[in-house]
Amino acid sequence: VEGEFVYLAAPQAGYLETLDAARGTRVDAGAPVFALASDP
């Protein structure tokens, strides 16, 4: 069995503010996974 993984990244740099989904957890489509600081 082979898995095709999707690597989630943001197009801009920044400090990681939140990590909403931990390793091994299930997420629904559209659920937030992480967020970078958005002040600038």
Full PDB file with SEQRES, HELIX, SHEET, SSBOND, CRYST1, ORIGX, SCALE, CONECT and MASTER records, all heavy atoms in Angstrom:
SEQRES   1 A   40  VAL GLU GLY GLU PHE VAL TYR LEU ALA ALA PRO GLN ALA          
SEQRES   2 A   40  GLY TYR LEU GLU THR LEU ASP ALA ALA ARG GLY THR ARG          
SEQRES   3 A   40  VAL ASP ALA GLY ALA PRO VAL PHE ALA LEU ALA SER ASP          
SEQRES   4 A   40  PRO                                                          
SHEET    1 AA1 2 LEU A  16  LEU A  19  0                                        
SHEET    2 AA1 2 PHE A  34  LEU A  36 -1                                        
CRYST1    1.000    1.000    1.000  90.00  90.00  90.00 P 1           1          
ORIGX1      1.000000  0.000000  0.000000        0.00000                         
ORIGX2      0.000000  1.000000  0.000000        0.00000                         
ORIGX3      0.000000  0.000000  1.000000        0.00000                         
SCALE1      1.000000  0.000000  0.000000        0.00000                         
SCALE2      0.000000  1.000000  0.000000        0.00000                         
SCALE3      0.000000  0.000000  1.000000        0.00000                         
ATOM      1  N   VAL A   1       0.857  -1.185   0.000  1.00  0.00           N  
ATOM      2  CA  VAL A   1       0.000   0.000   0.000  1.00  0.00           C  
ATOM      3  C   VAL A   1       0.892   1.234   0.000  1.00  0.00           C  
ATOM      4  O   VAL A   1       1.872   1.312   0.756  1.00  0.00           O  
ATOM      5  CB  VAL A   1      -0.927   0.016   1.236  1.00  0.00           C  
ATOM      6  CG1 VAL A   1      -1.736   1.309   1.281  1.00  0.00           C  
ATOM      7  CG2 VAL A   1      -1.846  -1.192   1.226  1.00  0.00           C  
ATOM      8  N   GLU A   2       0.545   2.177  -0.821  1.00  0.00           N  
ATOM      9  CA  GLU A   2       1.333   3.411  -0.930  1.00  0.00           C  
ATOM     10  C   GLU A   2       0.446   4.604  -0.592  1.00  0.00           C  
ATOM     11  O   GLU A   2      -0.747   4.622  -0.943  1.00  0.00           O  
ATOM     12  CB  GLU A   2       1.861   3.555  -2.357  1.00  0.00           C  
ATOM     13  CG  GLU A   2       2.589   4.852  -2.617  1.00  0.00           C  
ATOM     14  CD  GLU A   2       2.984   4.989  -4.076  1.00  0.00           C  
ATOM     15  OE1 GLU A   2       3.236   3.961  -4.727  1.00  0.00           O  
ATOM     16  OE2 GLU A   2       3.016   6.125  -4.573  1.00  0.00           O  
ATOM     17  N   GLY A   3       1.012   5.577   0.102  1.00  0.00           N  
ATOM     18  CA  GLY A   3       0.281   6.804   0.430  1.00  0.00           C  
ATOM     19  C   GLY A   3       0.852   7.991  -0.322  1.00  0.00           C  
ATOM     20  O   GLY A   3       2.073   8.147  -0.418  1.00  0.00           O  
ATOM     21  N   GLU A   4      -0.022   8.827  -0.865  1.00  0.00           N  
ATOM     22  CA  GLU A   4       0.396  10.055  -1.537  1.00  0.00           C  
ATOM     23  C   GLU A   4       0.157  11.217  -0.582  1.00  0.00           C  
ATOM     24  O   GLU A   4      -0.980  11.625  -0.345  1.00  0.00           O  
ATOM     25  CB  GLU A   4      -0.379  10.246  -2.840  1.00  0.00           C  
ATOM     26  CG  GLU A   4      -0.052   9.196  -3.882  1.00  0.00           C  
ATOM     27  CD  GLU A   4      -0.821   9.411  -5.172  1.00  0.00           C  
ATOM     28  OE1 GLU A   4      -1.941   9.966  -5.109  1.00  0.00           O  
ATOM     29  OE2 GLU A   4      -0.308   9.026  -6.234  1.00  0.00           O  
ATOM     30  N   PHE A   5       1.230  11.739  -0.034  1.00  0.00           N  
ATOM     31  CA  PHE A   5       1.150  12.748   1.011  1.00  0.00           C  
ATOM     32  C   PHE A   5       1.079  14.147   0.411  1.00  0.00           C  
ATOM     33  O   PHE A   5       1.679  14.428  -0.625  1.00  0.00           O  
ATOM     34  CB  PHE A   5       2.351  12.641   1.944  1.00  0.00           C  
ATOM     35  CG  PHE A   5       2.376  11.383   2.758  1.00  0.00           C  
ATOM     36  CD1 PHE A   5       2.850  10.196   2.204  1.00  0.00           C  
ATOM     37  CD2 PHE A   5       1.916  11.364   4.058  1.00  0.00           C  
ATOM     38  CE1 PHE A   5       2.868   9.025   2.945  1.00  0.00           C  
ATOM     39  CE2 PHE A   5       1.929  10.205   4.806  1.00  0.00           C  
ATOM     40  CZ  PHE A   5       2.399   9.032   4.234  1.00  0.00           C  
ATOM     41  N   VAL A   6       0.351  15.003   1.083  1.00  0.00           N  
ATOM     42  CA  VAL A   6       0.256  16.412   0.710  1.00  0.00           C  
ATOM     43  C   VAL A   6       1.012  17.215   1.772  1.00  0.00           C  
ATOM     44  O   VAL A   6       0.715  17.111   2.962  1.00  0.00           O  
ATOM     45  CB  VAL A   6      -1.210  16.872   0.632  1.00  0.00           C  
ATOM     46  CG1 VAL A   6      -1.285  18.363   0.330  1.00  0.00           C  
ATOM     47  CG2 VAL A   6      -1.953  16.083  -0.436  1.00  0.00           C  
ATOM     48  N   TYR A   7       1.979  17.997   1.317  1.00  0.00           N  
ATOM     49  CA  TYR A   7       2.796  18.783   2.236  1.00  0.00           C  
ATOM     50  C   TYR A   7       2.249  20.212   2.285  1.00  0.00           C  
ATOM     51  O   TYR A   7       2.217  20.907   1.268  1.00  0.00           O  
ATOM     52  CB  TYR A   7       4.259  18.755   1.805  1.00  0.00           C  
ATOM     53  CG  TYR A   7       4.874  17.399   2.011  1.00  0.00           C  
ATOM     54  CD1 TYR A   7       4.710  16.392   1.056  1.00  0.00           C  
ATOM     55  CD2 TYR A   7       5.572  17.102   3.172  1.00  0.00           C  
ATOM     56  CE1 TYR A   7       5.240  15.125   1.250  1.00  0.00           C  
ATOM     57  CE2 TYR A   7       6.119  15.837   3.371  1.00  0.00           C  
ATOM     58  CZ  TYR A   7       5.941  14.850   2.411  1.00  0.00           C  
ATOM     59  OH  TYR A   7       6.470  13.605   2.611  1.00  0.00           O  
ATOM     60  N   LEU A   8       1.799  20.607   3.459  1.00  0.00           N  
ATOM     61  CA  LEU A   8       1.114  21.882   3.640  1.00  0.00           C  
ATOM     62  C   LEU A   8       2.107  22.973   4.018  1.00  0.00           C  
ATOM     63  O   LEU A   8       2.859  22.831   4.988  1.00  0.00           O  
ATOM     64  CB  LEU A   8       0.039  21.758   4.723  1.00  0.00           C  
ATOM     65  CG  LEU A   8      -0.981  20.635   4.492  1.00  0.00           C  
ATOM     66  CD1 LEU A   8      -1.959  20.587   5.649  1.00  0.00           C  
ATOM     67  CD2 LEU A   8      -1.716  20.836   3.174  1.00  0.00           C  
ATOM     68  N   ALA A   9       2.111  24.053   3.230  1.00  0.00           N  
ATOM     69  CA  ALA A   9       3.036  25.159   3.453  1.00  0.00           C  
ATOM     70  C   ALA A   9       2.330  26.472   3.145  1.00  0.00           C  
ATOM     71  O   ALA A   9       1.321  26.504   2.430  1.00  0.00           O  
ATOM     72  CB  ALA A   9       4.284  25.003   2.581  1.00  0.00           C  
ATOM     73  N   ALA A  10       2.873  27.554   3.674  1.00  0.00           N  
ATOM     74  CA  ALA A  10       2.369  28.907   3.392  1.00  0.00           C  
ATOM     75  C   ALA A  10       3.289  29.575   2.380  1.00  0.00           C  
ATOM     76  O   ALA A  10       4.504  29.334   2.392  1.00  0.00           O  
ATOM     77  CB  ALA A  10       2.312  29.735   4.678  1.00  0.00           C  
ATOM     78  N   PRO A  11       2.753  30.415   1.497  1.00  0.00           N  
ATOM     79  CA  PRO A  11       3.602  31.049   0.489  1.00  0.00           C  
ATOM     80  C   PRO A  11       4.498  32.150   1.034  1.00  0.00           C  
ATOM     81  O   PRO A  11       5.387  32.615   0.331  1.00  0.00           O  
ATOM     82  CB  PRO A  11       2.576  31.629  -0.506  1.00  0.00           C  
ATOM     83  CG  PRO A  11       1.349  31.853   0.313  1.00  0.00           C  
ATOM     84  CD  PRO A  11       1.329  30.756   1.331  1.00  0.00           C  
ATOM     85  N   GLN A  12       4.274  32.572   2.289  1.00  0.00           N  
ATOM     86  CA  GLN A  12       5.083  33.618   2.890  1.00  0.00           C  
ATOM     87  C   GLN A  12       5.756  33.109   4.157  1.00  0.00           C  
ATOM     88  O   GLN A  12       5.308  32.142   4.771  1.00  0.00           O  
ATOM     89  CB  GLN A  12       4.224  34.833   3.235  1.00  0.00           C  
ATOM     90  CG  GLN A  12       3.683  35.563   2.023  1.00  0.00           C  
ATOM     91  CD  GLN A  12       2.853  36.755   2.437  1.00  0.00           C  
ATOM     92  OE1 GLN A  12       1.705  36.619   2.842  1.00  0.00           O  
ATOM     93  NE2 GLN A  12       3.442  37.927   2.353  1.00  0.00           N  
ATOM     94  N   ALA A  13       6.848  33.782   4.513  1.00  0.00           N  
ATOM     95  CA  ALA A  13       7.562  33.421   5.728  1.00  0.00           C  
ATOM     96  C   ALA A  13       6.913  34.080   6.941  1.00  0.00           C  
ATOM     97  O   ALA A  13       6.155  35.041   6.816  1.00  0.00           O  
ATOM     98  CB  ALA A  13       9.023  33.842   5.618  1.00  0.00           C  
ATOM     99  N   GLY A  14       7.220  33.551   8.112  1.00  0.00           N  
ATOM    100  CA  GLY A  14       6.695  34.144   9.342  1.00  0.00           C  
ATOM    101  C   GLY A  14       6.888  33.204  10.512  1.00  0.00           C  
ATOM    102  O   GLY A  14       7.299  32.043  10.346  1.00  0.00           O  
ATOM    103  N   TYR A  15       6.597  33.716  11.712  1.00  0.00           N  
ATOM    104  CA  TYR A  15       6.660  32.889  12.911  1.00  0.00           C  
ATOM    105  C   TYR A  15       5.401  32.030  13.006  1.00  0.00           C  
ATOM    106  O   TYR A  15       4.296  32.517  12.754  1.00  0.00           O  
ATOM    107  CB  TYR A  15       6.797  33.758  14.159  1.00  0.00           C  
ATOM    108  CG  TYR A  15       8.166  34.378  14.312  1.00  0.00           C  
ATOM    109  CD1 TYR A  15       8.387  35.708  13.967  1.00  0.00           C  
ATOM    110  CD2 TYR A  15       9.240  33.635  14.794  1.00  0.00           C  
ATOM    111  CE1 TYR A  15       9.640  36.286  14.092  1.00  0.00           C  
ATOM    112  CE2 TYR A  15      10.498  34.200  14.918  1.00  0.00           C  
ATOM    113  CZ  TYR A  15      10.691  35.527  14.569  1.00  0.00           C  
ATOM    114  OH  TYR A  15      11.934  36.096  14.692  1.00  0.00           O  
ATOM    115  N   LEU A  16       5.587  30.756  13.348  1.00  0.00           N  
ATOM    116  CA  LEU A  16       4.443  29.869  13.512  1.00  0.00           C  
ATOM    117  C   LEU A  16       3.680  30.292  14.766  1.00  0.00           C  
ATOM    118  O   LEU A  16       4.203  30.226  15.875  1.00  0.00           O  
ATOM    119  CB  LEU A  16       4.911  28.420  13.631  1.00  0.00           C  
ATOM    120  CG  LEU A  16       3.802  27.367  13.733  1.00  0.00           C  
ATOM    121  CD1 LEU A  16       2.913  27.401  12.501  1.00  0.00           C  
ATOM    122  CD2 LEU A  16       4.395  25.973  13.927  1.00  0.00           C  
ATOM    123  N   GLU A  17       2.452  30.712  14.558  1.00  0.00           N  
ATOM    124  CA  GLU A  17       1.640  31.208  15.678  1.00  0.00           C  
ATOM    125  C   GLU A  17       0.858  30.085  16.342  1.00  0.00           C  
ATOM    126  O   GLU A  17       0.853  29.968  17.567  1.00  0.00           O  
ATOM    127  CB  GLU A  17       0.697  32.300  15.177  1.00  0.00           C  
ATOM    128  CG  GLU A  17      -0.064  33.007  16.280  1.00  0.00           C  
ATOM    129  CD  GLU A  17      -0.804  34.223  15.754  1.00  0.00           C  
ATOM    130  OE1 GLU A  17      -1.641  34.050  14.846  1.00  0.00           O  
ATOM    131  OE2 GLU A  17      -0.532  35.343  16.239  1.00  0.00           O  
ATOM    132  N   THR A  18       0.166  29.271  15.548  1.00  0.00           N  
ATOM    133  CA  THR A  18      -0.608  28.167  16.108  1.00  0.00           C  
ATOM    134  C   THR A  18      -0.415  26.922  15.260  1.00  0.00           C  
ATOM    135  O   THR A  18      -0.250  27.001  14.041  1.00  0.00           O  
ATOM    136  CB  THR A  18      -2.111  28.501  16.158  1.00  0.00           C  
ATOM    137  OG1 THR A  18      -2.593  28.757  14.831  1.00  0.00           O  
ATOM    138  CG2 THR A  18      -2.368  29.715  17.038  1.00  0.00           C  
ATOM    139  N   LEU A  19      -0.437  25.781  15.917  1.00  0.00           N  
ATOM    140  CA  LEU A  19      -0.432  24.485  15.254  1.00  0.00           C  
ATOM    141  C   LEU A  19      -1.721  23.801  15.688  1.00  0.00           C  
ATOM    142  O   LEU A  19      -1.812  23.248  16.783  1.00  0.00           O  
ATOM    143  CB  LEU A  19       0.801  23.667  15.654  1.00  0.00           C  
ATOM    144  CG  LEU A  19       1.016  22.349  14.907  1.00  0.00           C  
ATOM    145  CD1 LEU A  19       1.183  22.588  13.408  1.00  0.00           C  
ATOM    146  CD2 LEU A  19       2.247  21.627  15.455  1.00  0.00           C  
ATOM    147  N   ASP A  20      -2.735  23.864  14.831  1.00  0.00           N  
ATOM    148  CA  ASP A  20      -4.086  23.460  15.231  1.00  0.00           C  
ATOM    149  C   ASP A  20      -4.331  21.964  15.132  1.00  0.00           C  
ATOM    150  O   ASP A  20      -5.292  21.460  15.716  1.00  0.00           O  
ATOM    151  CB  ASP A  20      -5.117  24.188  14.356  1.00  0.00           C  
ATOM    152  CG  ASP A  20      -4.967  25.701  14.459  1.00  0.00           C  
ATOM    153  OD1 ASP A  20      -5.273  26.244  15.529  1.00  0.00           O  
ATOM    154  OD2 ASP A  20      -4.522  26.323  13.483  1.00  0.00           O  
ATOM    155  N   ALA A  21      -3.510  21.242  14.395  1.00  0.00           N  
ATOM    156  CA  ALA A  21      -3.695  19.801  14.229  1.00  0.00           C  
ATOM    157  C   ALA A  21      -2.385  19.094  14.552  1.00  0.00           C  
ATOM    158  O   ALA A  21      -1.379  19.300  13.864  1.00  0.00           O  
ATOM    159  CB  ALA A  21      -4.148  19.466  12.810  1.00  0.00           C  
ATOM    160  N   ALA A  22      -2.383  18.282  15.597  1.00  0.00           N  
ATOM    161  CA  ALA A  22      -1.173  17.575  16.003  1.00  0.00           C  
ATOM    162  C   ALA A  22      -0.947  16.348  15.120  1.00  0.00           C  
ATOM    163  O   ALA A  22      -1.843  15.880  14.420  1.00  0.00           O  
ATOM    164  CB  ALA A  22      -1.289  17.157  17.475  1.00  0.00           C  
ATOM    165  N   ARG A  23       0.246  15.856  15.153  1.00  0.00           N  
ATOM    166  CA  ARG A  23       0.597  14.664  14.390  1.00  0.00           C  
ATOM    167  C   ARG A  23      -0.266  13.483  14.819  1.00  0.00           C  
ATOM    168  O   ARG A  23      -0.472  13.232  16.007  1.00  0.00           O  
ATOM    169  CB  ARG A  23       2.077  14.333  14.614  1.00  0.00           C  
ATOM    170  CG  ARG A  23       2.562  13.112  13.877  1.00  0.00           C  
ATOM    171  CD  ARG A  23       4.034  12.905  14.109  1.00  0.00           C  
ATOM    172  NE  ARG A  23       4.338  12.728  15.529  1.00  0.00           N  
ATOM    173  CZ  ARG A  23       5.559  12.582  16.024  1.00  0.00           C  
ATOM    174  NH1 ARG A  23       6.603  12.634  15.209  1.00  0.00           N  
ATOM    175  NH2 ARG A  23       5.744  12.406  17.306  1.00  0.00           N  
ATOM    176  N   GLY A  24      -0.812  12.767  13.834  1.00  0.00           N  
ATOM    177  CA  GLY A  24      -1.626  11.598  14.102  1.00  0.00           C  
ATOM    178  C   GLY A  24      -3.115  11.877  14.251  1.00  0.00           C  
ATOM    179  O   GLY A  24      -3.898  10.939  14.383  1.00  0.00           O  
ATOM    180  N   THR A  25      -3.509  13.142  14.228  1.00  0.00           N  
ATOM    181  CA  THR A  25      -4.928  13.473  14.366  1.00  0.00           C  
ATOM    182  C   THR A  25      -5.606  13.529  13.004  1.00  0.00           C  
ATOM    183  O   THR A  25      -4.963  13.766  11.986  1.00  0.00           O  
ATOM    184  CB  THR A  25      -5.110  14.828  15.072  1.00  0.00           C  
ATOM    185  OG1 THR A  25      -4.450  15.847  14.301  1.00  0.00           O  
ATOM    186  CG2 THR A  25      -4.507  14.784  16.457  1.00  0.00           C  
ATOM    187  N   ARG A  26      -6.917  13.313  13.014  1.00  0.00           N  
ATOM    188  CA  ARG A  26      -7.689  13.403  11.792  1.00  0.00           C  
ATOM    189  C   ARG A  26      -8.261  14.818  11.652  1.00  0.00           C  
ATOM    190  O   ARG A  26      -8.590  15.471  12.642  1.00  0.00           O  
ATOM    191  CB  ARG A  26      -8.838  12.391  11.796  1.00  0.00           C  
ATOM    192  CG  ARG A  26      -8.387  10.969  11.503  1.00  0.00           C  
ATOM    193  CD  ARG A  26      -9.593  10.078  11.230  1.00  0.00           C  
ATOM    194  NE  ARG A  26     -10.446  10.624  10.191  1.00  0.00           N  
ATOM    195  CZ  ARG A  26     -10.194  10.524   8.880  1.00  0.00           C  
ATOM    196  NH1 ARG A  26      -9.111   9.902   8.457  1.00  0.00           N  
ATOM    197  NH2 ARG A  26     -11.027  11.051   7.992  1.00  0.00           N  
ATOM    198  N   VAL A  27      -8.355  15.278  10.414  1.00  0.00           N  
ATOM    199  CA  VAL A  27      -8.908  16.594  10.138  1.00  0.00           C  
ATOM    200  C   VAL A  27      -9.920  16.469   9.009  1.00  0.00           C  
ATOM    201  O   VAL A  27      -9.822  15.582   8.152  1.00  0.00           O  
ATOM    202  CB  VAL A  27      -7.807  17.606   9.752  1.00  0.00           C  
ATOM    203  CG1 VAL A  27      -6.887  17.883  10.917  1.00  0.00           C  
ATOM    204  CG2 VAL A  27      -7.005  17.112   8.556  1.00  0.00           C  
ATOM    205  N   ASP A  28     -10.902  17.352   9.035  1.00  0.00           N  
ATOM    206  CA  ASP A  28     -11.874  17.433   7.946  1.00  0.00           C  
ATOM    207  C   ASP A  28     -11.393  18.415   6.894  1.00  0.00           C  
ATOM    208  O   ASP A  28     -10.528  19.257   7.154  1.00  0.00           O  
ATOM    209  CB  ASP A  28     -13.234  17.868   8.482  1.00  0.00           C  
ATOM    210  CG  ASP A  28     -13.833  16.864   9.450  1.00  0.00           C  
ATOM    211  OD1 ASP A  28     -13.612  15.645   9.233  1.00  0.00           O  
ATOM    212  OD2 ASP A  28     -14.500  17.287  10.419  1.00  0.00           O  
ATOM    213  N   ALA A  29     -11.944  18.313   5.721  1.00  0.00           N  
ATOM    214  CA  ALA A  29     -11.604  19.261   4.658  1.00  0.00           C  
ATOM    215  C   ALA A  29     -11.978  20.670   5.094  1.00  0.00           C  
ATOM    216  O   ALA A  29     -13.074  20.916   5.588  1.00  0.00           O  
ATOM    217  CB  ALA A  29     -12.336  18.889   3.370  1.00  0.00           C  
ATOM    218  N   GLY A  30     -11.045  21.618   4.934  1.00  0.00           N  
ATOM    219  CA  GLY A  30     -11.281  22.998   5.334  1.00  0.00           C  
ATOM    220  C   GLY A  30     -10.936  23.312   6.770  1.00  0.00           C  
ATOM    221  O   GLY A  30     -11.008  24.477   7.172  1.00  0.00           O  
ATOM    222  N   ALA A  31     -10.554  22.302   7.559  1.00  0.00           N  
ATOM    223  CA  ALA A  31     -10.198  22.549   8.955  1.00  0.00           C  
ATOM    224  C   ALA A  31      -8.816  23.210   9.011  1.00  0.00           C  
ATOM    225  O   ALA A  31      -7.909  22.838   8.266  1.00  0.00           O  
ATOM    226  CB  ALA A  31     -10.180  21.244   9.742  1.00  0.00           C  
ATOM    227  N   PRO A  32      -8.627  24.211   9.900  1.00  0.00           N  
ATOM    228  CA  PRO A  32      -7.311  24.855  10.005  1.00  0.00           C  
ATOM    229  C   PRO A  32      -6.259  23.877  10.521  1.00  0.00           C  
ATOM    230  O   PRO A  32      -6.508  23.111  11.447  1.00  0.00           O  
ATOM    231  CB  PRO A  32      -7.547  25.997  10.992  1.00  0.00           C  
ATOM    232  CG  PRO A  32      -8.750  25.589  11.776  1.00  0.00           C  
ATOM    233  CD  PRO A  32      -9.603  24.785  10.845  1.00  0.00           C  
ATOM    234  N   VAL A  33      -5.090  23.927   9.911  1.00  0.00           N  
ATOM    235  CA  VAL A  33      -3.980  23.065  10.323  1.00  0.00           C  
ATOM    236  C   VAL A  33      -2.926  23.870  11.081  1.00  0.00           C  
ATOM    237  O   VAL A  33      -2.428  23.449  12.115  1.00  0.00           O  
ATOM    238  CB  VAL A  33      -3.354  22.365   9.103  1.00  0.00           C  
ATOM    239  CG1 VAL A  33      -2.151  21.515   9.516  1.00  0.00           C  
ATOM    240  CG2 VAL A  33      -4.393  21.487   8.411  1.00  0.00           C  
ATOM    241  N   PHE A  34      -2.587  25.048  10.571  1.00  0.00           N  
ATOM    242  CA  PHE A  34      -1.637  25.916  11.274  1.00  0.00           C  
ATOM    243  C   PHE A  34      -1.824  27.344  10.771  1.00  0.00           C  
ATOM    244  O   PHE A  34      -2.483  27.592   9.755  1.00  0.00           O  
ATOM    245  CB  PHE A  34      -0.189  25.461  11.071  1.00  0.00           C  
ATOM    246  CG  PHE A  34       0.331  25.640   9.667  1.00  0.00           C  
ATOM    247  CD1 PHE A  34       0.968  26.811   9.280  1.00  0.00           C  
ATOM    248  CD2 PHE A  34       0.191  24.634   8.724  1.00  0.00           C  
ATOM    249  CE1 PHE A  34       1.430  26.982   7.992  1.00  0.00           C  
ATOM    250  CE2 PHE A  34       0.664  24.784   7.440  1.00  0.00           C  
ATOM    251  CZ  PHE A  34       1.293  25.971   7.066  1.00  0.00           C  
ATOM    252  N   ALA A  35      -1.243  28.291  11.509  1.00  0.00           N  
ATOM    253  CA  ALA A  35      -1.326  29.702  11.138  1.00  0.00           C  
ATOM    254  C   ALA A  35      -0.011  30.386  11.480  1.00  0.00           C  
ATOM    255  O   ALA A  35       0.594  30.118  12.524  1.00  0.00           O  
ATOM    256  CB  ALA A  35      -2.489  30.397  11.855  1.00  0.00           C  
ATOM    257  N   LEU A  36       0.438  31.266  10.587  1.00  0.00           N  
ATOM    258  CA  LEU A  36       1.615  32.088  10.830  1.00  0.00           C  
ATOM    259  C   LEU A  36       1.176  33.448  11.366  1.00  0.00           C  
ATOM    260  O   LEU A  36       0.059  33.903  11.121  1.00  0.00           O  
ATOM    261  CB  LEU A  36       2.417  32.277   9.542  1.00  0.00           C  
ATOM    262  CG  LEU A  36       2.914  31.009   8.846  1.00  0.00           C  
ATOM    263  CD1 LEU A  36       3.736  31.378   7.618  1.00  0.00           C  
ATOM    264  CD2 LEU A  36       3.735  30.143   9.795  1.00  0.00           C  
ATOM    265  N   ALA A  37       2.066  34.100  12.124  1.00  0.00           N  
ATOM    266  CA  ALA A  37       1.766  35.432  12.652  1.00  0.00           C  
ATOM    267  C   ALA A  37       1.464  36.377  11.498  1.00  0.00           C  
ATOM    268  O   ALA A  37       2.184  36.418  10.494  1.00  0.00           O  
ATOM    269  CB  ALA A  37       2.946  35.947  13.476  1.00  0.00           C  
ATOM    270  N   SER A  38       0.393  37.151  11.630  1.00  0.00           N  
ATOM    271  CA  SER A  38      -0.088  37.973  10.513  1.00  0.00           C  
ATOM    272  C   SER A  38       0.064  39.473  10.747  1.00  0.00           C  
ATOM    273  O   SER A  38      -0.473  40.267   9.965  1.00  0.00           O  
ATOM    274  CB  SER A  38      -1.566  37.660  10.260  1.00  0.00           C  
ATOM    275  OG  SER A  38      -2.334  37.926  11.422  1.00  0.00           O  
ATOM    276  N   ASP A  39       0.789  39.898  11.790  1.00  0.00           N  
ATOM    277  CA  ASP A  39       0.873  41.325  12.110  1.00  0.00           C  
ATOM    278  C   ASP A  39       1.376  42.185  10.949  1.00  0.00           C  
ATOM    279  O   ASP A  39       0.724  43.173  10.590  1.00  0.00           O  
ATOM    280  CB  ASP A  39       1.770  41.538  13.338  1.00  0.00           C  
ATOM    281  CG  ASP A  39       1.155  40.927  14.593  1.00  0.00           C  
ATOM    282  OD1 ASP A  39      -0.049  40.628  14.552  1.00  0.00           O  
ATOM    283  OD2 ASP A  39       1.874  40.739  15.571  1.00  0.00           O  
ATOM    284  N   PRO A  40       2.515  41.873  10.321  1.00  0.00           N  
ATOM    285  CA  PRO A  40       2.984  42.755   9.235  1.00  0.00           C  
ATOM    286  C   PRO A  40       1.994  42.836   8.082  1.00  0.00           C  
ATOM    287  O   PRO A  40       1.774  43.916   7.514  1.00  0.00           O  
ATOM    288  CB  PRO A  40       4.307  42.100   8.804  1.00  0.00           C  
ATOM    289  CG  PRO A  40       4.722  41.257   9.958  1.00  0.00           C  
ATOM    290  CD  PRO A  40       3.443  40.779  10.569  1.00  0.00           C  
TER     291      PRO A  40                                                      
MASTER        0    0    0    0    2    0    0    6  290    1    0    4          
END                                                                             
